Amino acid sequence: MKTFIVFASFLVLSMAAHIPILRQVTDINPDGSYNYAYETGNGIAAEEQGFLNGEGQVAQGQFQYPSPDGKTVRLVYLADEDGFRPQGDHLPTPPPIPPMIQKALDYLARTGKL
């Protein structure tokens, strides 16, 4: 009986964990360019395009997922010779420059000392 209960528990858990793939696209080309996209039944989605340029590989894309509080978290990114540059409302931003520091930076820029 214990074996049946354990088996039934695993069966229920495995059925609850199944998340369908709603869309999946992959395209890889001989020139090194590619793109892929997918979307799952629980709100996760991603897409990316990439290609080779004179400096190396370039990739750009986005992904999104539902946060525990029900909001959709979305990140857009570009990765190239200058590095990985993500953008998203959920990412931290630096505080504003204090007015006196900004005044000093403006002065240095005007006088050519910056």
C-alpha atoms as a PDB file:
ATOM      1  CA  MET A   1       0.000   0.000   0.000  1.00  0.00           C
ATOM      2  CA  LYS A   2       2.850   2.385   0.813  1.00  0.00           C
ATOM      3  CA  THR A   3       4.328   1.763  -2.621  1.00  0.00           C
ATOM      4  CA  PHE A   4       1.033   2.668  -4.257  1.00  0.00           C
ATOM      5  CA  ILE A   5       0.784   5.924  -2.278  1.00  0.00           C
ATOM      6  CA  VAL A   6       4.364   6.891  -3.174  1.00  0.00           C
ATOM      7  CA  PHE A   7       3.759   6.036  -6.850  1.00  0.00           C
ATOM      8  CA  ALA A   8       0.465   7.974  -6.892  1.00  0.00           C
ATOM      9  CA  SER A   9       2.191  10.969  -5.287  1.00  0.00           C
ATOM     10  CA  PHE A  10       4.913  10.980  -7.939  1.00  0.00           C
ATOM     11  CA  LEU A  11       2.308  10.615 -10.667  1.00  0.00           C
ATOM     12  CA  VAL A  12       0.346  13.605  -9.391  1.00  0.00           C
ATOM     13  CA  LEU A  13       3.502  15.712  -9.044  1.00  0.00           C
ATOM     14  CA  SER A  14       4.700  14.832 -12.534  1.00  0.00           C
ATOM     15  CA  MET A  15       1.328  15.699 -14.035  1.00  0.00           C
ATOM     16  CA  ALA A  16       1.226  19.020 -12.163  1.00  0.00           C
ATOM     17  CA  ALA A  17       4.755  19.904 -13.326  1.00  0.00           C
ATOM     18  CA  HIS A  18       3.981  19.411 -17.034  1.00  0.00           C
ATOM     19  CA  ILE A  19       4.025  22.770 -18.784  1.00  0.00           C
ATOM     20  CA  PRO A  20       3.222  22.711 -22.486  1.00  0.00           C
ATOM     21  CA  ILE A  21       5.431  24.326 -25.124  1.00  0.00           C
ATOM     22  CA  LEU A  22       3.033  26.521 -27.104  1.00  0.00           C
ATOM     23  CA  ARG A  23       5.504  27.681 -29.754  1.00  0.00           C
ATOM     24  CA  GLN A  24       9.075  26.780 -30.660  1.00  0.00           C
ATOM     25  CA  VAL A  25      11.026  28.003 -33.679  1.00  0.00           C
ATOM     26  CA  THR A  26      14.714  27.460 -34.437  1.00  0.00           C
ATOM     27  CA  ASP A  27      16.603  28.492 -37.559  1.00  0.00           C
ATOM     28  CA  ILE A  28      20.372  28.061 -37.932  1.00  0.00           C
ATOM     29  CA  ASN A  29      21.965  29.239 -41.164  1.00  0.00           C
ATOM     30  CA  PRO A  30      25.321  28.265 -42.775  1.00  0.00           C
ATOM     31  CA  ASP A  31      26.553  31.888 -42.540  1.00  0.00           C
ATOM     32  CA  GLY A  32      26.453  31.728 -38.719  1.00  0.00           C
ATOM     33  CA  SER A  33      23.200  33.635 -38.315  1.00  0.00           C
ATOM     34  CA  TYR A  34      20.415  32.121 -36.280  1.00  0.00           C
ATOM     35  CA  ASN A  35      17.165  32.838 -34.539  1.00  0.00           C
ATOM     36  CA  TYR A  36      15.041  31.025 -32.054  1.00  0.00           C
ATOM     37  CA  ALA A  37      11.834  31.655 -30.171  1.00  0.00           C
ATOM     38  CA  TYR A  38       9.709  29.743 -27.718  1.00  0.00           C
ATOM     39  CA  GLU A  39       6.686  30.258 -25.527  1.00  0.00           C
ATOM     40  CA  THR A  40       5.444  28.043 -22.732  1.00  0.00           C
ATOM     41  CA  GLY A  41       2.050  27.540 -21.182  1.00  0.00           C
ATOM     42  CA  ASN A  42       3.045  29.264 -17.948  1.00  0.00           C
ATOM     43  CA  GLY A  43       3.866  32.643 -19.532  1.00  0.00           C
ATOM     44  CA  ILE A  44       7.584  32.213 -20.175  1.00  0.00           C
ATOM     45  CA  ALA A  45       8.713  33.401 -23.614  1.00  0.00           C
ATOM     46  CA  ALA A  46      12.055  34.157 -25.254  1.00  0.00           C
ATOM     47  CA  GLU A  47      13.457  35.023 -28.636  1.00  0.00           C
ATOM     48  CA  GLU A  48      16.932  35.764 -29.943  1.00  0.00           C
ATOM     49  CA  GLN A  49      18.564  36.592 -33.251  1.00  0.00           C
ATOM     50  CA  GLY A  50      22.277  36.389 -33.869  1.00  0.00           C
ATOM     51  CA  PHE A  51      24.766  36.926 -36.658  1.00  0.00           C
ATOM     52  CA  LEU A  52      28.476  37.259 -37.286  1.00  0.00           C
ATOM     53  CA  ASN A  53      29.993  40.652 -37.997  1.00  0.00           C
ATOM     54  CA  GLY A  54      33.591  41.761 -38.505  1.00  0.00           C
ATOM     55  CA  GLU A  55      34.182  41.969 -34.763  1.00  0.00           C
ATOM     56  CA  GLY A  56      32.571  38.658 -33.779  1.00  0.00           C
ATOM     57  CA  GLN A  57      29.125  37.442 -32.832  1.00  0.00           C
ATOM     58  CA  VAL A  58      26.163  39.758 -32.250  1.00  0.00           C
ATOM     59  CA  ALA A  59      23.073  38.543 -30.391  1.00  0.00           C
ATOM     60  CA  GLN A  60      19.930  40.456 -29.547  1.00  0.00           C
ATOM     61  CA  GLY A  61      16.706  39.303 -28.059  1.00  0.00           C
ATOM     62  CA  GLN A  62      14.310  39.355 -25.169  1.00  0.00           C
ATOM     63  CA  PHE A  63      12.727  37.092 -22.619  1.00  0.00           C
ATOM     64  CA  GLN A  64       9.845  37.406 -20.212  1.00  0.00           C
ATOM     65  CA  TYR A  65       8.339  35.473 -17.358  1.00  0.00           C
ATOM     66  CA  PRO A  66       5.610  36.000 -14.761  1.00  0.00           C
ATOM     67  CA  SER A  67       6.898  37.101 -11.363  1.00  0.00           C
ATOM     68  CA  PRO A  68       5.480  35.642  -8.140  1.00  0.00           C
ATOM     69  CA  ASP A  69       3.380  38.798  -7.661  1.00  0.00           C
ATOM     70  CA  GLY A  70       1.720  38.303 -11.067  1.00  0.00           C
ATOM     71  CA  LYS A  71       3.566  41.001 -13.028  1.00  0.00           C
ATOM     72  CA  THR A  72       5.397  40.185 -16.244  1.00  0.00           C
ATOM     73  CA  VAL A  73       9.156  40.670 -16.011  1.00  0.00           C
ATOM     74  CA  ARG A  74      10.666  41.491 -19.425  1.00  0.00           C
ATOM     75  CA  LEU A  75      14.317  41.871 -20.341  1.00  0.00           C
ATOM     76  CA  VAL A  76      15.587  43.089 -23.720  1.00  0.00           C
ATOM     77  CA  TYR A  77      19.282  42.697 -24.486  1.00  0.00           C
ATOM     78  CA  LEU A  78      22.029  43.255 -27.024  1.00  0.00           C
ATOM     79  CA  ALA A  79      25.363  41.442 -26.838  1.00  0.00           C
ATOM     80  CA  ASP A  80      28.206  42.384 -29.168  1.00  0.00           C
ATOM     81  CA  GLU A  81      31.836  43.526 -29.090  1.00  0.00           C
ATOM     82  CA  ASP A  82      30.854  46.139 -26.484  1.00  0.00           C
ATOM     83  CA  GLY A  83      29.507  43.515 -24.083  1.00  0.00           C
ATOM     84  CA  PHE A  84      26.106  42.468 -22.790  1.00  0.00           C
ATOM     85  CA  ARG A  85      23.647  45.365 -22.445  1.00  0.00           C
ATOM     86  CA  PRO A  86      20.346  44.421 -20.778  1.00  0.00           C
ATOM     87  CA  GLN A  87      17.360  46.735 -20.408  1.00  0.00           C
ATOM     88  CA  GLY A  88      14.316  46.181 -18.224  1.00  0.00           C
ATOM     89  CA  ASP A  89      12.089  48.028 -15.803  1.00  0.00           C
ATOM     90  CA  HIS A  90      13.060  45.604 -13.029  1.00  0.00           C
ATOM     91  CA  LEU A  91      16.808  46.359 -13.258  1.00  0.00           C
ATOM     92  CA  PRO A  92      18.303  48.766 -10.729  1.00  0.00           C
ATOM     93  CA  THR A  93      19.313  52.227 -11.932  1.00  0.00           C
ATOM     94  CA  PRO A  94      21.960  54.525 -10.503  1.00  0.00           C
ATOM     95  CA  PRO A  95      20.843  57.413  -8.320  1.00  0.00           C
ATOM     96  CA  PRO A  96      20.804  60.906  -9.890  1.00  0.00           C
ATOM     97  CA  ILE A  97      24.032  62.906  -9.849  1.00  0.00           C
ATOM     98  CA  PRO A  98      23.982  65.458  -7.015  1.00  0.00           C
ATOM     99  CA  PRO A  99      23.610  69.053  -8.319  1.00  0.00           C
ATOM    100  CA  MET A 100      27.025  70.239  -7.066  1.00  0.00           C
ATOM    101  CA  ILE A 101      28.803  67.287  -8.689  1.00  0.00           C
ATOM    102  CA  GLN A 102      26.918  67.914 -11.945  1.00  0.00           C
ATOM    103  CA  LYS A 103      27.927  71.591 -11.802  1.00  0.00           C
ATOM    104  CA  ALA A 104      31.586  70.597 -11.395  1.00  0.00           C
ATOM    105  CA  LEU A 105      31.352  68.100 -14.282  1.00  0.00           C
ATOM    106  CA  ASP A 106      29.750  70.754 -16.508  1.00  0.00           C
ATOM    107  CA  TYR A 107      32.544  73.199 -15.625  1.00  0.00           C
ATOM    108  CA  LEU A 108      35.239  70.637 -16.404  1.00  0.00           C
ATOM    109  CA  ALA A 109      33.573  69.798 -19.721  1.00  0.00           C
ATOM    110  CA  ARG A 110      33.329  73.527 -20.674  1.00  0.00           C
ATOM    111  CA  THR A 111      36.958  74.200 -19.835  1.00  0.00           C
ATOM    112  CA  GLY A 112      38.200  71.091 -21.617  1.00  0.00           C
ATOM    113  CA  LYS A 113      39.652  69.552 -18.465  1.00  0.00           C
ATOM    114  CA  LEU A 114      37.374  66.539 -18.495  1.00  0.00           C
END
